[in-house]
Amino acid sequence: MKQKTNLKKIINRGATESALSNSLVPQCLSWICSTLTETRLLCLRTSRLIPFAIRTHFVPSVRKSASALATSKKVAFTLAEGRLACTTTQATAKAAFTLAEVLITLAIIGVVAALTIPSVIQNYTYRMTESKLAKFYSLMNQAILMSKIDNGAPETWDYWVKEALDEEGNYINMSDAIDAAFKKYLAPYLKIVESKEVTDFEGQKRYLYYLADGSAFAYAFSQIRDWEFFPYKAENCITSATRGERVGVCSFPFEFYPGNVSNINTDERWKYLLGKGLEPSMFYWDGDPDSLYEDSTRGCNTAASGSYCTAIIARNGWKIPKDYPRKIKY
């Protein structure tokens, strides 16, 4: 304020250019720059030529429009001789990254992605598999119950396609007979969006039955009690790997064999299926939870067939346990 008062007194008295330039140049410049800064003016100063610039260009303007300078929002001074530029600007400085900084950032993002994305994908795969397994189990048993209302007890159905051997002792492919039985007794109570004939990895004709959520299931080629459920990419799973390789990985075995068929009522191997609907495969299970993992023939391990893998998930509330032995992938 004091600087502003002194400046106005000098102007009003008609002070000489010498007095202004030699005695109050610093004060004058300080006040002008302070005022212009308040109106968003960028002041650049070179001290060597300040007195000359002030005498030559500034004093006449101060006498005529000192008050205008204090309130103006857009004023510019360009002094080629003195490198003094006071110019209005609304632009803001733009910061830029160097190429090295960009490359380092991308490298860090790549490392983080490599560490986290596989885990995220695997977690999603497990949650999707759990959801579809539980849904399939519920859906199929509802269909069986509805069919029982219309067709009587399952044990009385002419549904049960049995195994048969050819002259060389090989199992005969019974897929067509199985398909006809399914369409008669269960398909009317399900929403099958597509039925597709495929050839599995072993070269056997199979029928895939697709559900609305994209999952599918298929019967064994030789008899009707064993099923495979495919939560995702069914055709890729059944055609690209042997049963032992795909079970518990991209397919999950179930069985529907409720009793009074053949001699299973007195056969201990079937006791976990008797009187029930569709259940996870537990043929020949001895009731020991460890056997579901360790059984050398049907256990859910890398050396056995993996038939008990579905049972491990089912007994855990249709949640894949942390110690699940096989890696689920599609």
C-alpha atoms as a PDB file:
ATOM      1  CA  MET A   1       0.000   0.000   0.000  1.00  0.00           C
ATOM      2  CA  LYS A   2       2.884   2.311   0.880  1.00  0.00           C
ATOM      3  CA  GLN A   3       4.496   1.586  -2.491  1.00  0.00           C
ATOM      4  CA  LYS A   4       1.270   2.401  -4.300  1.00  0.00           C
ATOM      5  CA  THR A   5       0.963   5.741  -2.426  1.00  0.00           C
ATOM      6  CA  ASN A   6       4.555   6.745  -3.182  1.00  0.00           C
ATOM      7  CA  LEU A   7       4.087   5.952  -6.843  1.00  0.00           C
ATOM      8  CA  LYS A   8       0.950   8.054  -7.137  1.00  0.00           C
ATOM      9  CA  LYS A   9       2.659  11.030  -5.402  1.00  0.00           C
ATOM     10  CA  ILE A  10       5.559  10.929  -7.850  1.00  0.00           C
ATOM     11  CA  ILE A  11       3.224  10.760 -10.817  1.00  0.00           C
ATOM     12  CA  ASN A  12       1.077  13.606  -9.560  1.00  0.00           C
ATOM     13  CA  ARG A  13       4.104  15.839  -8.913  1.00  0.00           C
ATOM     14  CA  GLY A  14       5.361  15.259 -12.446  1.00  0.00           C
ATOM     15  CA  ALA A  15       8.501  13.639 -11.246  1.00  0.00           C
ATOM     16  CA  THR A  16      11.303  13.391 -13.702  1.00  0.00           C
ATOM     17  CA  GLU A  17      12.060  10.156 -15.529  1.00  0.00           C
ATOM     18  CA  SER A  18      15.420  10.099 -13.793  1.00  0.00           C
ATOM     19  CA  ALA A  19      13.833  10.156 -10.346  1.00  0.00           C
ATOM     20  CA  LEU A  20      11.396   7.430 -11.281  1.00  0.00           C
ATOM     21  CA  SER A  21      14.002   5.229 -12.845  1.00  0.00           C
ATOM     22  CA  ASN A  22      16.776   5.740 -10.282  1.00  0.00           C
ATOM     23  CA  SER A  23      15.018   6.118  -6.928  1.00  0.00           C
ATOM     24  CA  LEU A  24      11.723   4.215  -7.158  1.00  0.00           C
ATOM     25  CA  VAL A  25      12.223   1.779 -10.017  1.00  0.00           C
ATOM     26  CA  PRO A  26      12.373  -1.193  -7.677  1.00  0.00           C
ATOM     27  CA  GLN A  27       9.242  -0.032  -5.819  1.00  0.00           C
ATOM     28  CA  CYS A  28       7.401   0.730  -9.057  1.00  0.00           C
ATOM     29  CA  LEU A  29       8.201  -2.607 -10.618  1.00  0.00           C
ATOM     30  CA  SER A  30       7.302  -4.444  -7.439  1.00  0.00           C
ATOM     31  CA  TRP A  31       3.877  -2.765  -7.239  1.00  0.00           C
ATOM     32  CA  ILE A  32       3.075  -3.248 -10.935  1.00  0.00           C
ATOM     33  CA  CYS A  33       4.063  -6.895 -10.885  1.00  0.00           C
ATOM     34  CA  SER A  34       2.085  -7.412  -7.677  1.00  0.00           C
ATOM     35  CA  THR A  35      -0.995  -5.843  -9.296  1.00  0.00           C
ATOM     36  CA  LEU A  36      -0.606  -7.774 -12.526  1.00  0.00           C
ATOM     37  CA  THR A  37      -0.099 -11.035 -10.658  1.00  0.00           C
ATOM     38  CA  GLU A  38      -3.474 -10.568  -9.020  1.00  0.00           C
ATOM     39  CA  THR A  39      -5.013 -10.407 -12.505  1.00  0.00           C
ATOM     40  CA  ARG A  40      -3.192 -13.522 -13.657  1.00  0.00           C
ATOM     41  CA  LEU A  41      -0.365 -11.761 -15.530  1.00  0.00           C
ATOM     42  CA  LEU A  42       2.930 -13.535 -15.859  1.00  0.00           C
ATOM     43  CA  CYS A  43       5.813 -11.113 -15.200  1.00  0.00           C
ATOM     44  CA  LEU A  44       9.284 -11.908 -16.449  1.00  0.00           C
ATOM     45  CA  ARG A  45      12.062  -9.541 -15.456  1.00  0.00           C
ATOM     46  CA  THR A  46      15.686  -8.984 -16.472  1.00  0.00           C
ATOM     47  CA  SER A  47      17.385  -6.681 -13.997  1.00  0.00           C
ATOM     48  CA  ARG A  48      20.120  -5.264 -16.273  1.00  0.00           C
ATOM     49  CA  LEU A  49      17.789  -3.284 -18.539  1.00  0.00           C
ATOM     50  CA  ILE A  50      14.974  -2.380 -16.124  1.00  0.00           C
ATOM     51  CA  PRO A  51      15.790   1.415 -15.813  1.00  0.00           C
ATOM     52  CA  PHE A  52      15.982   1.839 -19.578  1.00  0.00           C
ATOM     53  CA  ALA A  53      12.727  -0.021 -20.165  1.00  0.00           C
ATOM     54  CA  ILE A  54      10.916   1.951 -17.492  1.00  0.00           C
ATOM     55  CA  ARG A  55      12.102   5.337 -18.836  1.00  0.00           C
ATOM     56  CA  THR A  56      11.397   4.504 -22.465  1.00  0.00           C
ATOM     57  CA  HIS A  57       8.104   2.706 -22.319  1.00  0.00           C
ATOM     58  CA  PHE A  58       6.505   2.721 -18.947  1.00  0.00           C
ATOM     59  CA  VAL A  59       6.480   6.305 -17.574  1.00  0.00           C
ATOM     60  CA  PRO A  60       4.195   7.808 -20.273  1.00  0.00           C
ATOM     61  CA  SER A  61       1.704   5.025 -19.836  1.00  0.00           C
ATOM     62  CA  VAL A  62       1.672   5.350 -16.036  1.00  0.00           C
ATOM     63  CA  ARG A  63       0.772   9.059 -16.258  1.00  0.00           C
ATOM     64  CA  LYS A  64      -2.207   8.354 -18.527  1.00  0.00           C
ATOM     65  CA  SER A  65      -3.647   5.130 -17.172  1.00  0.00           C
ATOM     66  CA  ALA A  66      -2.316   4.182 -13.755  1.00  0.00           C
ATOM     67  CA  SER A  67      -5.779   3.272 -12.536  1.00  0.00           C
ATOM     68  CA  ALA A  68      -6.484   1.147 -15.636  1.00  0.00           C
ATOM     69  CA  LEU A  69      -3.365  -0.897 -15.005  1.00  0.00           C
ATOM     70  CA  ALA A  70      -4.579  -1.762 -11.527  1.00  0.00           C
ATOM     71  CA  THR A  71      -7.870  -3.233 -12.763  1.00  0.00           C
ATOM     72  CA  SER A  72      -7.125  -4.480 -16.261  1.00  0.00           C
ATOM     73  CA  LYS A  73      -7.468  -8.231 -16.890  1.00  0.00           C
ATOM     74  CA  LYS A  74      -5.666  -8.323 -20.196  1.00  0.00           C
ATOM     75  CA  VAL A  75      -2.647  -6.032 -20.656  1.00  0.00           C
ATOM     76  CA  ALA A  76       0.583  -6.837 -22.489  1.00  0.00           C
ATOM     77  CA  PHE A  77       3.994  -5.175 -22.697  1.00  0.00           C
ATOM     78  CA  THR A  78       6.648  -6.409 -25.099  1.00  0.00           C
ATOM     79  CA  LEU A  79      10.118  -4.865 -24.772  1.00  0.00           C
ATOM     80  CA  ALA A  80      12.563  -6.326 -27.239  1.00  0.00           C
ATOM     81  CA  GLU A  81      15.439  -4.325 -25.872  1.00  0.00           C
ATOM     82  CA  GLY A  82      15.025  -5.114 -22.243  1.00  0.00           C
ATOM     83  CA  ARG A  83      13.676  -8.696 -22.118  1.00  0.00           C
ATOM     84  CA  LEU A  84      10.795  -7.486 -19.946  1.00  0.00           C
ATOM     85  CA  ALA A  85       7.511  -9.142 -20.830  1.00  0.00           C
ATOM     86  CA  CYS A  86       4.314  -8.745 -18.842  1.00  0.00           C
ATOM     87  CA  THR A  87       1.605 -10.604 -20.647  1.00  0.00           C
ATOM     88  CA  THR A  88      -1.840 -11.936 -19.765  1.00  0.00           C
ATOM     89  CA  THR A  89      -2.211 -15.713 -19.896  1.00  0.00           C
ATOM     90  CA  GLN A  90      -4.886 -18.189 -18.986  1.00  0.00           C
ATOM     91  CA  ALA A  91      -2.890 -21.183 -20.134  1.00  0.00           C
ATOM     92  CA  THR A  92      -1.547 -23.645 -17.634  1.00  0.00           C
ATOM     93  CA  ALA A  93       1.712 -25.497 -17.860  1.00  0.00           C
ATOM     94  CA  LYS A  94       1.438 -28.959 -19.317  1.00  0.00           C
ATOM     95  CA  ALA A  95       3.546 -31.653 -17.748  1.00  0.00           C
ATOM     96  CA  ALA A  96       4.774 -34.519 -19.912  1.00  0.00           C
ATOM     97  CA  PHE A  97       6.300 -37.921 -19.152  1.00  0.00           C
ATOM     98  CA  THR A  98       9.566 -38.963 -20.679  1.00  0.00           C
ATOM     99  CA  LEU A  99       9.771 -42.138 -22.751  1.00  0.00           C
ATOM    100  CA  ALA A 100      11.743 -43.826 -19.979  1.00  0.00           C
ATOM    101  CA  GLU A 101       9.049 -43.015 -17.418  1.00  0.00           C
ATOM    102  CA  VAL A 102       6.327 -44.399 -19.695  1.00  0.00           C
ATOM    103  CA  LEU A 103       8.270 -47.612 -20.312  1.00  0.00           C
ATOM    104  CA  ILE A 104       8.943 -48.107 -16.607  1.00  0.00           C
ATOM    105  CA  THR A 105       5.263 -47.576 -15.815  1.00  0.00           C
ATOM    106  CA  LEU A 106       4.204 -50.076 -18.473  1.00  0.00           C
ATOM    107  CA  ALA A 107       6.710 -52.595 -17.140  1.00  0.00           C
ATOM    108  CA  ILE A 108       5.322 -52.252 -13.616  1.00  0.00           C
ATOM    109  CA  ILE A 109       1.751 -52.654 -14.886  1.00  0.00           C
ATOM    110  CA  GLY A 110       2.819 -55.751 -16.816  1.00  0.00           C
ATOM    111  CA  VAL A 111       4.429 -57.348 -13.769  1.00  0.00           C
ATOM    112  CA  VAL A 112       1.385 -56.641 -11.579  1.00  0.00           C
ATOM    113  CA  ALA A 113      -0.949 -58.016 -14.257  1.00  0.00           C
ATOM    114  CA  ALA A 114       1.165 -61.158 -14.660  1.00  0.00           C
ATOM    115  CA  LEU A 115       0.961 -61.781 -10.920  1.00  0.00           C
ATOM    116  CA  THR A 116      -2.721 -61.032 -10.379  1.00  0.00           C
ATOM    117  CA  ILE A 117      -4.678 -61.857 -13.551  1.00  0.00           C
ATOM    118  CA  PRO A 118      -4.131 -65.665 -13.459  1.00  0.00           C
ATOM    119  CA  SER A 119      -5.354 -65.753  -9.859  1.00  0.00           C
ATOM    120  CA  VAL A 120      -8.414 -63.664 -10.715  1.00  0.00           C
ATOM    121  CA  ILE A 121      -9.255 -65.903 -13.679  1.00  0.00           C
ATOM    122  CA  GLN A 122      -8.801 -69.083 -11.626  1.00  0.00           C
ATOM    123  CA  ASN A 123     -11.029 -67.751  -8.839  1.00  0.00           C
ATOM    124  CA  TYR A 124     -13.712 -66.881 -11.364  1.00  0.00           C
ATOM    125  CA  THR A 125     -13.441 -70.352 -12.942  1.00  0.00           C
ATOM    126  CA  TYR A 126     -13.882 -72.022  -9.557  1.00  0.00           C
ATOM    127  CA  ARG A 127     -16.875 -69.876  -8.573  1.00  0.00           C
ATOM    128  CA  MET A 128     -18.554 -70.499 -11.935  1.00  0.00           C
ATOM    129  CA  THR A 129     -17.949 -74.244 -11.653  1.00  0.00           C
ATOM    130  CA  GLU A 130     -19.378 -74.388  -8.133  1.00  0.00           C
ATOM    131  CA  SER A 131     -22.494 -72.478  -9.155  1.00  0.00           C
ATOM    132  CA  LYS A 132     -23.192 -74.626 -12.209  1.00  0.00           C
ATOM    133  CA  LEU A 133     -22.559 -77.907 -10.393  1.00  0.00           C
ATOM    134  CA  ALA A 134     -25.066 -77.029  -7.663  1.00  0.00           C
ATOM    135  CA  LYS A 135     -27.575 -75.819 -10.233  1.00  0.00           C
ATOM    136  CA  PHE A 136     -27.240 -78.957 -12.355  1.00  0.00           C
ATOM    137  CA  TYR A 137     -27.668 -81.245  -9.345  1.00  0.00           C
ATOM    138  CA  SER A 138     -30.843 -79.439  -8.310  1.00  0.00           C
ATOM    139  CA  LEU A 139     -32.238 -79.190 -11.836  1.00  0.00           C
ATOM    140  CA  MET A 140     -31.804 -82.876 -12.680  1.00  0.00           C
ATOM    141  CA  ASN A 141     -33.296 -84.116  -9.425  1.00  0.00           C
ATOM    142  CA  GLN A 142     -36.322 -81.878  -9.916  1.00  0.00           C
ATOM    143  CA  ALA A 143     -36.766 -83.399 -13.381  1.00  0.00           C
ATOM    144  CA  ILE A 144     -36.520 -86.907 -11.923  1.00  0.00           C
ATOM    145  CA  LEU A 145     -39.161 -86.086  -9.306  1.00  0.00           C
ATOM    146  CA  MET A 146     -41.530 -84.671 -11.935  1.00  0.00           C
ATOM    147  CA  SER A 147     -41.012 -87.722 -14.123  1.00  0.00           C
ATOM    148  CA  LYS A 148     -41.808 -89.974 -11.170  1.00  0.00           C
ATOM    149  CA  ILE A 149     -45.181 -88.250 -10.837  1.00  0.00           C
ATOM    150  CA  ASP A 150     -46.028 -89.015 -14.462  1.00  0.00           C
ATOM    151  CA  ASN A 151     -44.199 -92.292 -15.018  1.00  0.00           C
ATOM    152  CA  GLY A 152     -43.999 -93.960 -11.633  1.00  0.00           C
ATOM    153  CA  ALA A 153     -40.924 -95.050  -9.716  1.00  0.00           C
ATOM    154  CA  PRO A 154     -37.704 -94.920 -11.758  1.00  0.00           C
ATOM    155  CA  GLU A 155     -37.022 -98.576 -11.070  1.00  0.00           C
ATOM    156  CA  THR A 156     -40.065 -99.431 -13.214  1.00  0.00           C
ATOM    157  CA  TRP A 157     -39.121 -97.329 -16.208  1.00  0.00           C
ATOM    158  CA  ASP A 158     -38.027 -98.984 -19.439  1.00  0.00           C
ATOM    159  CA  TYR A 159     -35.251 -96.447 -19.291  1.00  0.00           C
ATOM    160  CA  TRP A 160     -32.377 -98.595 -18.139  1.00  0.00           C
ATOM    161  CA  VAL A 161     -30.080 -99.276 -21.063  1.00  0.00           C
ATOM    162  CA  LYS A 162     -27.640-101.983 -20.049  1.00  0.00           C
ATOM    163  CA  GLU A 163     -24.122-102.719 -21.211  1.00  0.00           C
ATOM    164  CA  ALA A 164     -23.570-105.199 -24.032  1.00  0.00           C
ATOM    165  CA  LEU A 165     -20.445-106.693 -25.560  1.00  0.00           C
ATOM    166  CA  ASP A 166     -19.660-107.518 -29.148  1.00  0.00           C
ATOM    167  CA  GLU A 167     -18.024-110.722 -30.342  1.00  0.00           C
ATOM    168  CA  GLU A 168     -14.578-109.372 -29.542  1.00  0.00           C
ATOM    169  CA  GLY A 169     -15.528-108.450 -26.006  1.00  0.00           C
ATOM    170  CA  ASN A 170     -15.720-104.705 -26.558  1.00  0.00           C
ATOM    171  CA  TYR A 171     -18.544-102.569 -25.228  1.00  0.00           C
ATOM    172  CA  ILE A 172     -21.178-101.779 -27.849  1.00  0.00           C
ATOM    173  CA  ASN A 173     -22.017 -98.119 -28.325  1.00  0.00           C
ATOM    174  CA  MET A 174     -25.568 -97.665 -26.976  1.00  0.00           C
ATOM    175  CA  SER A 175     -25.848 -93.898 -27.497  1.00  0.00           C
ATOM    176  CA  ASP A 176     -28.947 -94.022 -29.704  1.00  0.00           C
ATOM    177  CA  ALA A 177     -30.902 -96.206 -27.263  1.00  0.00           C
ATOM    178  CA  ILE A 178     -29.776 -93.975 -24.383  1.00  0.00           C
ATOM    179  CA  ASP A 179     -30.860 -90.874 -26.275  1.00  0.00           C
ATOM    180  CA  ALA A 180     -34.337 -92.357 -26.876  1.00  0.00           C
ATOM    181  CA  ALA A 181     -34.739 -93.249 -23.178  1.00  0.00           C
ATOM    182  CA  PHE A 182     -33.641 -89.791 -22.072  1.00  0.00           C
ATOM    183  CA  LYS A 183     -36.055 -88.070 -24.433  1.00  0.00           C
ATOM    184  CA  LYS A 184     -38.921 -90.189 -23.103  1.00  0.00           C
ATOM    185  CA  TYR A 185     -38.345 -89.924 -19.361  1.00  0.00           C
ATOM    186  CA  LEU A 186     -36.319 -86.815 -18.549  1.00  0.00           C
ATOM    187  CA  ALA A 187     -36.068 -84.411 -21.479  1.00  0.00           C
ATOM    188  CA  PRO A 188     -39.740 -83.323 -21.231  1.00  0.00           C
ATOM    189  CA  TYR A 189     -38.973 -81.878 -17.759  1.00  0.00           C
ATOM    190  CA  LEU A 190     -35.844 -80.021 -18.776  1.00  0.00           C
ATOM    191  CA  LYS A 191     -35.149 -77.053 -21.004  1.00  0.00           C
ATOM    192  CA  ILE A 192     -32.663 -78.523 -23.460  1.00  0.00           C
ATOM    193  CA  VAL A 193     -31.570 -75.794 -25.866  1.00  0.00           C
ATOM    194  CA  GLU A 194     -29.525 -78.095 -28.107  1.00  0.00           C
ATOM    195  CA  SER A 195     -28.809 -81.788 -28.546  1.00  0.00           C
ATOM    196  CA  LYS A 196     -25.580 -82.426 -30.424  1.00  0.00           C
ATOM    197  CA  GLU A 197     -23.940 -85.625 -31.604  1.00  0.00           C
ATOM    198  CA  VAL A 198     -20.172 -85.623 -31.105  1.00  0.00           C
ATOM    199  CA  THR A 199     -17.299 -88.088 -31.207  1.00  0.00           C
ATOM    200  CA  ASP A 200     -15.349 -88.168 -27.962  1.00  0.00           C
ATOM    201  CA  PHE A 201     -11.591 -88.446 -27.576  1.00  0.00           C
ATOM    202  CA  GLU A 202     -11.797 -92.256 -27.507  1.00  0.00           C
ATOM    203  CA  GLY A 203     -13.685 -92.258 -30.816  1.00  0.00           C
ATOM    204  CA  GLN A 204     -17.126 -93.082 -29.388  1.00  0.00           C
ATOM    205  CA  LYS A 205     -20.361 -91.427 -30.487  1.00  0.00           C
ATOM    206  CA  ARG A 206     -21.917 -89.377 -27.685  1.00  0.00           C
ATOM    207  CA  TYR A 207     -24.805 -86.934 -27.358  1.00  0.00           C
ATOM    208  CA  LEU A 208     -24.275 -83.601 -25.649  1.00  0.00           C
ATOM    209  CA  TYR A 209     -27.372 -81.989 -24.142  1.00  0.00           C
ATOM    210  CA  TYR A 210     -26.952 -78.245 -23.663  1.00  0.00           C
ATOM    211  CA  LEU A 211     -28.757 -76.266 -20.965  1.00  0.00           C
ATOM    212  CA  ALA A 212     -29.727 -72.601 -21.035  1.00  0.00           C
ATOM    213  CA  ASP A 213     -26.684 -71.451 -19.034  1.00  0.00           C
ATOM    214  CA  GLY A 214     -24.221 -72.908 -21.557  1.00  0.00           C
ATOM    215  CA  SER A 215     -23.389 -76.019 -19.559  1.00  0.00           C
ATOM    216  CA  ALA A 216     -24.000 -79.505 -20.947  1.00  0.00           C
ATOM    217  CA  PHE A 217     -24.076 -83.154 -19.966  1.00  0.00           C
ATOM    218  CA  ALA A 218     -23.635 -86.509 -21.670  1.00  0.00           C
ATOM    219  CA  TYR A 219     -24.294 -90.141 -20.836  1.00  0.00           C
ATOM    220  CA  ALA A 220     -21.623 -92.790 -20.990  1.00  0.00           C
ATOM    221  CA  PHE A 221     -21.604 -94.387 -24.439  1.00  0.00           C
ATOM    222  CA  SER A 222     -22.242 -97.951 -23.218  1.00  0.00           C
ATOM    223  CA  GLN A 223     -24.856 -97.631 -20.415  1.00  0.00           C
ATOM    224  CA  ILE A 224     -27.246 -95.089 -18.965  1.00  0.00           C
ATOM    225  CA  ARG A 225     -26.322 -94.883 -15.279  1.00  0.00           C
ATOM    226  CA  ASP A 226     -23.122 -92.804 -15.668  1.00  0.00           C
ATOM    227  CA  TRP A 227     -23.235 -89.137 -16.665  1.00  0.00           C
ATOM    228  CA  GLU A 228     -20.649 -86.461 -17.266  1.00  0.00           C
ATOM    229  CA  PHE A 229     -21.434 -82.809 -16.578  1.00  0.00           C
ATOM    230  CA  PHE A 230     -19.548 -80.051 -18.397  1.00  0.00           C
ATOM    231  CA  PRO A 231     -19.880 -76.575 -16.825  1.00  0.00           C
ATOM    232  CA  TYR A 232     -18.270 -74.865 -19.813  1.00  0.00           C
ATOM    233  CA  LYS A 233     -16.951 -75.658 -23.314  1.00  0.00           C
ATOM    234  CA  ALA A 234     -18.400 -79.164 -23.289  1.00  0.00           C
ATOM    235  CA  GLU A 235     -17.436 -80.185 -26.811  1.00  0.00           C
ATOM    236  CA  ASN A 236     -13.849 -79.031 -26.377  1.00  0.00           C
ATOM    237  CA  CYS A 237     -13.589 -80.980 -23.127  1.00  0.00           C
ATOM    238  CA  ILE A 238     -15.051 -84.270 -24.355  1.00  0.00           C
ATOM    239  CA  THR A 239     -13.116 -84.313 -27.619  1.00  0.00           C
ATOM    240  CA  SER A 240      -9.673 -83.128 -26.514  1.00  0.00           C
ATOM    241  CA  ALA A 241      -8.790 -85.351 -23.553  1.00  0.00           C
ATOM    242  CA  THR A 242      -9.257 -88.891 -22.264  1.00  0.00           C
ATOM    243  CA  ARG A 243     -11.816 -89.428 -19.538  1.00  0.00           C
ATOM    244  CA  GLY A 244      -9.101 -89.808 -16.930  1.00  0.00           C
ATOM    245  CA  GLU A 245      -7.547 -86.495 -17.986  1.00  0.00           C
ATOM    246  CA  ARG A 246     -10.750 -84.471 -18.179  1.00  0.00           C
ATOM    247  CA  VAL A 247     -12.679 -85.735 -15.140  1.00  0.00           C
ATOM    248  CA  GLY A 248     -12.392 -83.308 -12.241  1.00  0.00           C
ATOM    249  CA  VAL A 249     -10.814 -80.769 -14.604  1.00  0.00           C
ATOM    250  CA  CYS A 250     -13.458 -79.848 -17.180  1.00  0.00           C
ATOM    251  CA  SER A 251     -16.030 -82.606 -16.595  1.00  0.00           C
ATOM    252  CA  PHE A 252     -17.635 -83.957 -13.437  1.00  0.00           C
ATOM    253  CA  PRO A 253     -19.110 -87.471 -13.065  1.00  0.00           C
ATOM    254  CA  PHE A 254     -22.598 -88.216 -11.703  1.00  0.00           C
ATOM    255  CA  GLU A 255     -24.643 -91.413 -11.420  1.00  0.00           C
ATOM    256  CA  PHE A 256     -28.362 -92.162 -11.468  1.00  0.00           C
ATOM    257  CA  TYR A 257     -29.015 -95.710 -10.309  1.00  0.00           C
ATOM    258  CA  PRO A 258     -31.697 -95.695  -7.595  1.00  0.00           C
ATOM    259  CA  GLY A 259     -32.124 -99.433  -6.897  1.00  0.00           C
ATOM    260  CA  ASN A 260     -34.026-102.561  -7.815  1.00  0.00           C
ATOM    261  CA  VAL A 261     -32.019-102.715 -11.018  1.00  0.00           C
ATOM    262  CA  SER A 262     -30.101-105.915 -11.541  1.00  0.00           C
ATOM    263  CA  ASN A 263     -28.763-106.958  -8.132  1.00  0.00           C
ATOM    264  CA  ILE A 264     -27.596-103.604  -6.798  1.00  0.00           C
ATOM    265  CA  ASN A 265     -29.875-103.756  -3.728  1.00  0.00           C
ATOM    266  CA  THR A 266     -27.533-106.310  -2.230  1.00  0.00           C
ATOM    267  CA  ASP A 267     -24.324-104.905  -3.711  1.00  0.00           C
ATOM    268  CA  GLU A 268     -22.421-102.699  -1.247  1.00  0.00           C
ATOM    269  CA  ARG A 269     -20.711-100.928  -4.093  1.00  0.00           C
ATOM    270  CA  TRP A 270     -23.939 -99.002  -4.885  1.00  0.00           C
ATOM    271  CA  LYS A 271     -25.123 -98.194  -1.379  1.00  0.00           C
ATOM    272  CA  TYR A 272     -24.613 -94.406  -1.728  1.00  0.00           C
ATOM    273  CA  LEU A 273     -26.973 -94.352  -4.733  1.00  0.00           C
ATOM    274  CA  LEU A 274     -29.813 -96.560  -3.512  1.00  0.00           C
ATOM    275  CA  GLY A 275     -33.164 -94.812  -3.259  1.00  0.00           C
ATOM    276  CA  LYS A 276     -31.769 -91.538  -4.483  1.00  0.00           C
ATOM    277  CA  GLY A 277     -31.841 -89.451  -7.625  1.00  0.00           C
ATOM    278  CA  LEU A 278     -28.822 -88.161  -9.483  1.00  0.00           C
ATOM    279  CA  GLU A 279     -25.773 -88.195  -7.197  1.00  0.00           C
ATOM    280  CA  PRO A 280     -22.047 -87.546  -7.517  1.00  0.00           C
ATOM    281  CA  SER A 281     -20.211 -90.671  -8.551  1.00  0.00           C
ATOM    282  CA  MET A 282     -19.482 -92.716  -5.428  1.00  0.00           C
ATOM    283  CA  PHE A 283     -19.493 -96.239  -6.827  1.00  0.00           C
ATOM    284  CA  TYR A 284     -17.437 -98.534  -4.641  1.00  0.00           C
ATOM    285  CA  TRP A 285     -16.670 -95.823  -2.068  1.00  0.00           C
ATOM    286  CA  ASP A 286     -15.877 -97.273   1.353  1.00  0.00           C
ATOM    287  CA  GLY A 287     -17.183 -94.248   3.278  1.00  0.00           C
ATOM    288  CA  ASP A 288     -13.751 -92.974   4.302  1.00  0.00           C
ATOM    289  CA  PRO A 289     -13.365 -89.286   3.290  1.00  0.00           C
ATOM    290  CA  ASP A 290      -9.667 -89.839   2.652  1.00  0.00           C
ATOM    291  CA  SER A 291     -10.504 -92.483   0.065  1.00  0.00           C
ATOM    292  CA  LEU A 292     -12.155 -89.839  -2.090  1.00  0.00           C
ATOM    293  CA  TYR A 293      -8.678 -88.381  -2.517  1.00  0.00           C
ATOM    294  CA  GLU A 294      -6.403 -91.391  -2.203  1.00  0.00           C
ATOM    295  CA  ASP A 295      -8.203 -94.341  -3.800  1.00  0.00           C
ATOM    296  CA  SER A 296      -5.837 -95.722  -6.414  1.00  0.00           C
ATOM    297  CA  THR A 297      -8.605 -96.532  -8.907  1.00  0.00           C
ATOM    298  CA  ARG A 298     -11.297 -93.834  -8.574  1.00  0.00           C
ATOM    299  CA  GLY A 299      -9.770 -91.241  -6.254  1.00  0.00           C
ATOM    300  CA  CYS A 300      -9.491 -87.579  -7.148  1.00  0.00           C
ATOM    301  CA  ASN A 301      -5.763 -87.575  -7.728  1.00  0.00           C
ATOM    302  CA  THR A 302      -3.507 -87.338 -10.742  1.00  0.00           C
ATOM    303  CA  ALA A 303      -2.873 -91.104 -10.940  1.00  0.00           C
ATOM    304  CA  ALA A 304      -6.457 -92.418 -10.689  1.00  0.00           C
ATOM    305  CA  SER A 305      -9.609 -91.901 -12.806  1.00  0.00           C
ATOM    306  CA  GLY A 306     -10.892 -88.939 -10.760  1.00  0.00           C
ATOM    307  CA  SER A 307     -14.412 -90.375 -10.439  1.00  0.00           C
ATOM    308  CA  TYR A 308     -14.696 -89.147  -6.852  1.00  0.00           C
ATOM    309  CA  CYS A 309     -13.832 -85.511  -7.648  1.00  0.00           C
ATOM    310  CA  THR A 310     -17.482 -84.435  -7.836  1.00  0.00           C
ATOM    311  CA  ALA A 311     -18.197 -86.087  -4.480  1.00  0.00           C
ATOM    312  CA  ILE A 312     -15.425 -84.048  -2.826  1.00  0.00           C
ATOM    313  CA  ILE A 313     -17.029 -80.807  -3.999  1.00  0.00           C
ATOM    314  CA  ALA A 314     -20.569 -81.957  -3.140  1.00  0.00           C
ATOM    315  CA  ARG A 315     -19.600 -82.998   0.397  1.00  0.00           C
ATOM    316  CA  ASN A 316     -18.090 -79.537   0.873  1.00  0.00           C
ATOM    317  CA  GLY A 317     -21.427 -77.805   0.195  1.00  0.00           C
ATOM    318  CA  TRP A 318     -20.742 -77.544  -3.544  1.00  0.00           C
ATOM    319  CA  LYS A 319     -17.642 -75.490  -2.827  1.00  0.00           C
ATOM    320  CA  ILE A 320     -14.258 -76.460  -4.223  1.00  0.00           C
ATOM    321  CA  PRO A 321     -12.005 -77.086  -1.192  1.00  0.00           C
ATOM    322  CA  LYS A 322      -8.583 -75.517  -0.918  1.00  0.00           C
ATOM    323  CA  ASP A 323      -6.935 -78.935  -1.071  1.00  0.00           C
ATOM    324  CA  TYR A 324      -8.761 -79.939  -4.256  1.00  0.00           C
ATOM    325  CA  PRO A 325      -6.184 -82.099  -6.083  1.00  0.00           C
ATOM    326  CA  ARG A 326      -6.879 -81.203  -9.700  1.00  0.00           C
ATOM    327  CA  LYS A 327      -6.748 -77.838 -11.465  1.00  0.00           C
ATOM    328  CA  ILE A 328     -10.063 -76.930 -13.042  1.00  0.00           C
ATOM    329  CA  LYS A 329      -9.736 -75.354 -16.466  1.00  0.00           C
ATOM    330  CA  TYR A 330     -11.704 -75.089 -19.697  1.00  0.00           C
END
